[in-house]
């Protein structure tokens, strides 16, 4: 492979790997927030309903997924 093509492939891979990791962490956070809210008696109508809620470390520790 030509060096320019390899550099381009490396950049694309890095960009996409970052996106996959960011999405995975975001989804994991939403799963925990949803579990926390459900435990508190709130209903979950859609996956991103509580996307604006951020838990404290102690609140995260209450949930086991």
PDB file of N, CA and C in Angstrom:
ATOM      1  N   UNK A   1       0.853  -1.175   0.000  1.00  0.00           N
ATOM      2  CA  UNK A   1       0.000   0.000   0.000  1.00  0.00           C
ATOM      3  C   UNK A   1       0.895   1.233   0.000  1.00  0.00           C
ATOM      4  N   UNK A   2       0.475   2.236  -0.732  1.00  0.00           N
ATOM      5  CA  UNK A   2       1.237   3.484  -0.793  1.00  0.00           C
ATOM      6  C   UNK A   2       1.156   4.206   0.550  1.00  0.00           C
ATOM      7  N   UNK A   3       2.223   4.919   0.900  1.00  0.00           N
ATOM      8  CA  UNK A   3       2.242   5.614   2.204  1.00  0.00           C
ATOM      9  C   UNK A   3       1.060   6.569   2.401  1.00  0.00           C
ATOM     10  N   UNK A   4       0.670   7.287   1.341  1.00  0.00           N
ATOM     11  CA  UNK A   4      -0.455   8.222   1.460  1.00  0.00           C
ATOM     12  C   UNK A   4      -1.765   7.471   1.757  1.00  0.00           C
ATOM     13  N   UNK A   5      -1.928   6.342   1.084  1.00  0.00           N
ATOM     14  CA  UNK A   5      -3.129   5.541   1.302  1.00  0.00           C
ATOM     15  C   UNK A   5      -3.136   4.956   2.712  1.00  0.00           C
ATOM     16  N   UNK A   6      -1.984   4.546   3.196  1.00  0.00           N
ATOM     17  CA  UNK A   6      -1.881   3.998   4.554  1.00  0.00           C
ATOM     18  C   UNK A   6      -2.183   5.071   5.596  1.00  0.00           C
ATOM     19  N   UNK A   7      -1.666   6.278   5.378  1.00  0.00           N
ATOM     20  CA  UNK A   7      -1.936   7.377   6.304  1.00  0.00           C
ATOM     21  C   UNK A   7      -3.434   7.689   6.338  1.00  0.00           C
ATOM     22  N   UNK A   8      -4.055   7.697   5.155  1.00  0.00           N
ATOM     23  CA  UNK A   8      -5.491   7.960   5.091  1.00  0.00           C
ATOM     24  C   UNK A   8      -6.256   6.852   5.825  1.00  0.00           C
ATOM     25  N   UNK A   9      -5.899   5.614   5.589  1.00  0.00           N
ATOM     26  CA  UNK A   9      -6.558   4.484   6.252  1.00  0.00           C
ATOM     27  C   UNK A   9      -6.402   4.571   7.762  1.00  0.00           C
ATOM     28  N   UNK A  10      -5.216   4.955   8.222  1.00  0.00           N
ATOM     29  CA  UNK A  10      -4.972   5.104   9.660  1.00  0.00           C
ATOM     30  C   UNK A  10      -5.852   6.203  10.259  1.00  0.00           C
ATOM     31  N   UNK A  11      -5.976   7.325   9.541  1.00  0.00           N
ATOM     32  CA  UNK A  11      -6.821   8.424  10.038  1.00  0.00           C
ATOM     33  C   UNK A  11      -8.285   8.002  10.114  1.00  0.00           C
ATOM     34  N   UNK A  12      -8.754   7.312   9.084  1.00  0.00           N
ATOM     35  CA  UNK A  12     -10.148   6.853   9.060  1.00  0.00           C
ATOM     36  C   UNK A  12     -10.390   5.861  10.193  1.00  0.00           C
ATOM     37  N   UNK A  13      -9.456   4.926  10.393  1.00  0.00           N
ATOM     38  CA  UNK A  13      -9.590   3.955  11.464  1.00  0.00           C
ATOM     39  C   UNK A  13      -9.632   4.644  12.824  1.00  0.00           C
ATOM     40  N   UNK A  14      -8.737   5.589  13.052  1.00  0.00           N
ATOM     41  CA  UNK A  14      -8.704   6.288  14.338  1.00  0.00           C
ATOM     42  C   UNK A  14      -9.993   7.062  14.577  1.00  0.00           C
ATOM     43  N   UNK A  15     -10.484   7.759  13.555  1.00  0.00           N
ATOM     44  CA  UNK A  15     -11.723   8.528  13.688  1.00  0.00           C
ATOM     45  C   UNK A  15     -12.890   7.600  14.020  1.00  0.00           C
ATOM     46  N   UNK A  16     -12.995   6.497  13.308  1.00  0.00           N
ATOM     47  CA  UNK A  16     -14.108   5.575  13.540  1.00  0.00           C
ATOM     48  C   UNK A  16     -13.979   4.844  14.870  1.00  0.00           C
ATOM     49  N   UNK A  17     -12.775   4.517  15.278  1.00  0.00           N
ATOM     50  CA  UNK A  17     -12.574   3.868  16.572  1.00  0.00           C
ATOM     51  C   UNK A  17     -12.996   4.801  17.706  1.00  0.00           C
ATOM     52  N   UNK A  18     -12.668   6.075  17.589  1.00  0.00           N
ATOM     53  CA  UNK A  18     -13.083   7.052  18.600  1.00  0.00           C
ATOM     54  C   UNK A  18     -14.602   7.153  18.661  1.00  0.00           C
ATOM     55  N   UNK A  19     -15.254   7.140  17.502  1.00  0.00           N
ATOM     56  CA  UNK A  19     -16.713   7.226  17.466  1.00  0.00           C
ATOM     57  C   UNK A  19     -17.341   5.989  18.115  1.00  0.00           C
ATOM     58  N   UNK A  20     -16.817   4.818  17.812  1.00  0.00           N
ATOM     59  CA  UNK A  20     -17.353   3.593  18.397  1.00  0.00           C
ATOM     60  C   UNK A  20     -17.207   3.619  19.919  1.00  0.00           C
ATOM     61  N   UNK A  21     -16.048   4.038  20.408  1.00  0.00           N
ATOM     62  CA  UNK A  21     -15.820   4.107  21.863  1.00  0.00           C
ATOM     63  C   UNK A  21     -16.727   5.141  22.510  1.00  0.00           C
ATOM     64  N   UNK A  22     -16.852   6.303  21.902  1.00  0.00           N
ATOM     65  CA  UNK A  22     -17.713   7.358  22.448  1.00  0.00           C
ATOM     66  C   UNK A  22     -19.166   6.874  22.511  1.00  0.00           C
ATOM     67  N   UNK A  23     -19.633   6.228  21.449  1.00  0.00           N
ATOM     68  CA  UNK A  23     -21.002   5.711  21.432  1.00  0.00           C
ATOM     69  C   UNK A  23     -21.205   4.617  22.477  1.00  0.00           C
ATOM     70  N   UNK A  24     -20.215   3.750  22.632  1.00  0.00           N
ATOM     71  CA  UNK A  24     -20.320   2.665  23.617  1.00  0.00           C
ATOM     72  C   UNK A  24     -20.406   3.225  25.037  1.00  0.00           C
ATOM     73  N   UNK A  25     -19.569   4.214  25.351  1.00  0.00           N
ATOM     74  CA  UNK A  25     -19.616   4.820  26.685  1.00  0.00           C
ATOM     75  C   UNK A  25     -20.931   5.566  26.902  1.00  0.00           C
ATOM     76  N   UNK A  26     -21.423   6.234  25.878  1.00  0.00           N
ATOM     77  CA  UNK A  26     -22.687   6.946  25.984  1.00  0.00           C
ATOM     78  C   UNK A  26     -23.835   5.972  26.234  1.00  0.00           C
ATOM     79  N   UNK A  27     -23.857   4.874  25.499  1.00  0.00           N
ATOM     80  CA  UNK A  27     -24.909   3.882  25.690  1.00  0.00           C
ATOM     81  C   UNK A  27     -24.828   3.231  27.065  1.00  0.00           C
ATOM     82  N   UNK A  28     -23.626   2.956  27.527  1.00  0.00           N
ATOM     83  CA  UNK A  28     -23.457   2.364  28.861  1.00  0.00           C
ATOM     84  C   UNK A  28     -23.964   3.324  29.929  1.00  0.00           C
ATOM     85  N   UNK A  29     -23.643   4.612  29.785  1.00  0.00           N
ATOM     86  CA  UNK A  29     -24.112   5.607  30.748  1.00  0.00           C
ATOM     87  C   UNK A  29     -25.639   5.657  30.758  1.00  0.00           C
ATOM     88  N   UNK A  30     -26.249   5.638  29.576  1.00  0.00           N
ATOM     89  CA  UNK A  30     -27.704   5.683  29.503  1.00  0.00           C
ATOM     90  C   UNK A  30     -28.342   4.434  30.107  1.00  0.00           C
ATOM     91  N   UNK A  31     -27.723   3.284  29.942  1.00  0.00           N
ATOM     92  CA  UNK A  31     -28.253   2.058  30.550  1.00  0.00           C
ATOM     93  C   UNK A  31     -28.258   2.168  32.069  1.00  0.00           C
ATOM     94  N   UNK A  32     -27.184   2.700  32.624  1.00  0.00           N
ATOM     95  CA  UNK A  32     -27.103   2.844  34.078  1.00  0.00           C
ATOM     96  C   UNK A  32     -28.102   3.889  34.574  1.00  0.00           C
ATOM     97  N   UNK A  33     -28.183   5.015  33.877  1.00  0.00           N
ATOM     98  CA  UNK A  33     -29.139   6.059  34.276  1.00  0.00           C
ATOM     99  C   UNK A  33     -30.560   5.509  34.216  1.00  0.00           C
ATOM    100  N   UNK A  34     -30.888   4.782  33.155  1.00  0.00           N
ATOM    101  CA  UNK A  34     -32.233   4.205  33.046  1.00  0.00           C
ATOM    102  C   UNK A  34     -32.507   3.217  34.169  1.00  0.00           C
ATOM    103  N   UNK A  35     -31.520   2.374  34.493  1.00  0.00           N
ATOM    104  CA  UNK A  35     -31.685   1.416  35.592  1.00  0.00           C
ATOM    105  C   UNK A  35     -31.879   2.153  36.911  1.00  0.00           C
ATOM    106  N   UNK A  36     -31.135   3.217  37.120  1.00  0.00           N
ATOM    107  CA  UNK A  36     -31.258   4.016  38.340  1.00  0.00           C
ATOM    108  C   UNK A  36     -32.650   4.650  38.425  1.00  0.00           C
ATOM    109  N   UNK A  37     -33.096   5.255  37.331  1.00  0.00           N
ATOM    110  CA  UNK A  37     -34.404   5.909  37.335  1.00  0.00           C
ATOM    111  C   UNK A  37     -35.524   4.885  37.525  1.00  0.00           C
ATOM    112  N   UNK A  38     -35.390   3.727  36.908  1.00  0.00           N
ATOM    113  CA  UNK A  38     -36.391   2.673  37.069  1.00  0.00           C
ATOM    114  C   UNK A  38     -36.439   2.202  38.522  1.00  0.00           C
ATOM    115  N   UNK A  39     -35.263   2.075  39.132  1.00  0.00           N
ATOM    116  CA  UNK A  39     -35.194   1.666  40.536  1.00  0.00           C
ATOM    117  C   UNK A  39     -35.869   2.688  41.438  1.00  0.00           C
ATOM    118  N   UNK A  40     -35.829   3.944  41.032  1.00  0.00           N
ATOM    119  CA  UNK A  40     -36.459   5.022  41.803  1.00  0.00           C
ATOM    120  C   UNK A  40     -37.952   5.158  41.515  1.00  0.00           C
ATOM    121  N   UNK A  41     -38.498   4.262  40.666  1.00  0.00           N
ATOM    122  CA  UNK A  41     -39.923   4.266  40.402  1.00  0.00           C
ATOM    123  C   UNK A  41     -40.363   5.047  39.181  1.00  0.00           C
ATOM    124  N   UNK A  42     -39.426   5.559  38.409  1.00  0.00           N
ATOM    125  CA  UNK A  42     -39.766   6.293  37.190  1.00  0.00           C
ATOM    126  C   UNK A  42     -39.979   5.313  36.045  1.00  0.00           C
ATOM    127  N   UNK A  43     -40.887   5.648  35.147  1.00  0.00           N
ATOM    128  CA  UNK A  43     -41.099   4.796  33.981  1.00  0.00           C
ATOM    129  C   UNK A  43     -40.133   5.216  32.872  1.00  0.00           C
ATOM    130  N   UNK A  44     -39.776   4.251  32.041  1.00  0.00           N
ATOM    131  CA  UNK A  44     -38.873   4.497  30.925  1.00  0.00           C
ATOM    132  C   UNK A  44     -39.681   4.353  29.645  1.00  0.00           C
ATOM    133  N   UNK A  45     -39.899   5.463  28.943  1.00  0.00           N
ATOM    134  CA  UNK A  45     -40.672   5.441  27.703  1.00  0.00           C
ATOM    135  C   UNK A  45     -39.796   5.249  26.473  1.00  0.00           C
ATOM    136  N   UNK A  46     -38.580   5.756  26.519  1.00  0.00           N
ATOM    137  CA  UNK A  46     -37.635   5.512  25.434  1.00  0.00           C
ATOM    138  C   UNK A  46     -36.218   5.569  25.993  1.00  0.00           C
ATOM    139  N   UNK A  47     -35.286   4.971  25.278  1.00  0.00           N
ATOM    140  CA  UNK A  47     -33.919   4.777  25.762  1.00  0.00           C
ATOM    141  C   UNK A  47     -33.231   6.089  26.155  1.00  0.00           C
ATOM    142  N   UNK A  48     -33.467   7.143  25.420  1.00  0.00           N
ATOM    143  CA  UNK A  48     -32.774   8.415  25.660  1.00  0.00           C
ATOM    144  C   UNK A  48     -33.578   9.409  26.493  1.00  0.00           C
ATOM    145  N   UNK A  49     -34.643   8.938  27.114  1.00  0.00           N
ATOM    146  CA  UNK A  49     -35.529   9.809  27.892  1.00  0.00           C
ATOM    147  C   UNK A  49     -34.777  10.585  28.973  1.00  0.00           C
ATOM    148  N   UNK A  50     -33.847   9.948  29.639  1.00  0.00           N
ATOM    149  CA  UNK A  50     -33.123  10.590  30.739  1.00  0.00           C
ATOM    150  C   UNK A  50     -31.683  10.933  30.345  1.00  0.00           C
ATOM    151  N   UNK A  51     -31.471  11.246  29.070  1.00  0.00           N
ATOM    152  CA  UNK A  51     -30.117  11.534  28.600  1.00  0.00           C
ATOM    153  C   UNK A  51     -29.532  12.801  29.224  1.00  0.00           C
ATOM    154  N   UNK A  52     -30.382  13.650  29.776  1.00  0.00           N
ATOM    155  CA  UNK A  52     -29.890  14.878  30.406  1.00  0.00           C
ATOM    156  C   UNK A  52     -29.601  14.694  31.898  1.00  0.00           C
ATOM    157  N   UNK A  53     -29.783  13.473  32.405  1.00  0.00           N
ATOM    158  CA  UNK A  53     -29.530  13.174  33.814  1.00  0.00           C
ATOM    159  C   UNK A  53     -28.109  12.621  33.957  1.00  0.00           C
ATOM    160  N   UNK A  54     -27.357  13.193  34.874  1.00  0.00           N
ATOM    161  CA  UNK A  54     -25.999  12.716  35.164  1.00  0.00           C
ATOM    162  C   UNK A  54     -25.942  12.321  36.631  1.00  0.00           C
ATOM    163  N   UNK A  55     -25.517  11.095  36.870  1.00  0.00           N
ATOM    164  CA  UNK A  55     -25.472  10.566  38.232  1.00  0.00           C
ATOM    165  C   UNK A  55     -24.160  10.907  38.914  1.00  0.00           C
ATOM    166  N   UNK A  56     -24.191  10.858  40.235  1.00  0.00           N
ATOM    167  CA  UNK A  56     -22.963  10.998  41.011  1.00  0.00           C
ATOM    168  C   UNK A  56     -22.289   9.627  41.078  1.00  0.00           C
ATOM    169  N   UNK A  57     -21.069   9.589  41.541  1.00  0.00           N
ATOM    170  CA  UNK A  57     -20.349   8.322  41.674  1.00  0.00           C
ATOM    171  C   UNK A  57     -21.120   7.381  42.597  1.00  0.00           C
ATOM    172  N   UNK A  58     -21.619   7.895  43.701  1.00  0.00           N
ATOM    173  CA  UNK A  58     -22.377   7.058  44.645  1.00  0.00           C
ATOM    174  C   UNK A  58     -23.637   6.489  43.998  1.00  0.00           C
ATOM    175  N   UNK A  59     -24.306   7.282  43.180  1.00  0.00           N
ATOM    176  CA  UNK A  59     -25.494   6.792  42.489  1.00  0.00           C
ATOM    177  C   UNK A  59     -25.125   5.704  41.480  1.00  0.00           C
ATOM    178  N   UNK A  60     -24.019   5.882  40.769  1.00  0.00           N
ATOM    179  CA  UNK A  60     -23.555   4.843  39.841  1.00  0.00           C
ATOM    180  C   UNK A  60     -23.271   3.542  40.581  1.00  0.00           C
ATOM    181  N   UNK A  61     -22.699   3.664  41.762  1.00  0.00           N
ATOM    182  CA  UNK A  61     -22.325   2.482  42.514  1.00  0.00           C
ATOM    183  C   UNK A  61     -23.537   1.680  43.005  1.00  0.00           C
ATOM    184  N   UNK A  62     -24.697   2.314  43.082  1.00  0.00           N
ATOM    185  CA  UNK A  62     -25.923   1.634  43.502  1.00  0.00           C
ATOM    186  C   UNK A  62     -26.412   0.626  42.444  1.00  0.00           C
ATOM    187  N   UNK A  63     -26.044   0.842  41.198  1.00  0.00           N
ATOM    188  CA  UNK A  63     -26.580   0.052  40.082  1.00  0.00           C
ATOM    189  C   UNK A  63     -25.567  -0.997  39.647  1.00  0.00           C
ATOM    190  N   UNK A  64     -26.039  -2.211  39.488  1.00  0.00           N
ATOM    191  CA  UNK A  64     -25.201  -3.312  38.988  1.00  0.00           C
ATOM    192  C   UNK A  64     -25.847  -3.845  37.727  1.00  0.00           C
ATOM    193  N   UNK A  65     -25.161  -3.725  36.608  1.00  0.00           N
ATOM    194  CA  UNK A  65     -25.694  -4.219  35.328  1.00  0.00           C
ATOM    195  C   UNK A  65     -24.842  -5.367  34.857  1.00  0.00           C
TER     196      UNK A  65
END
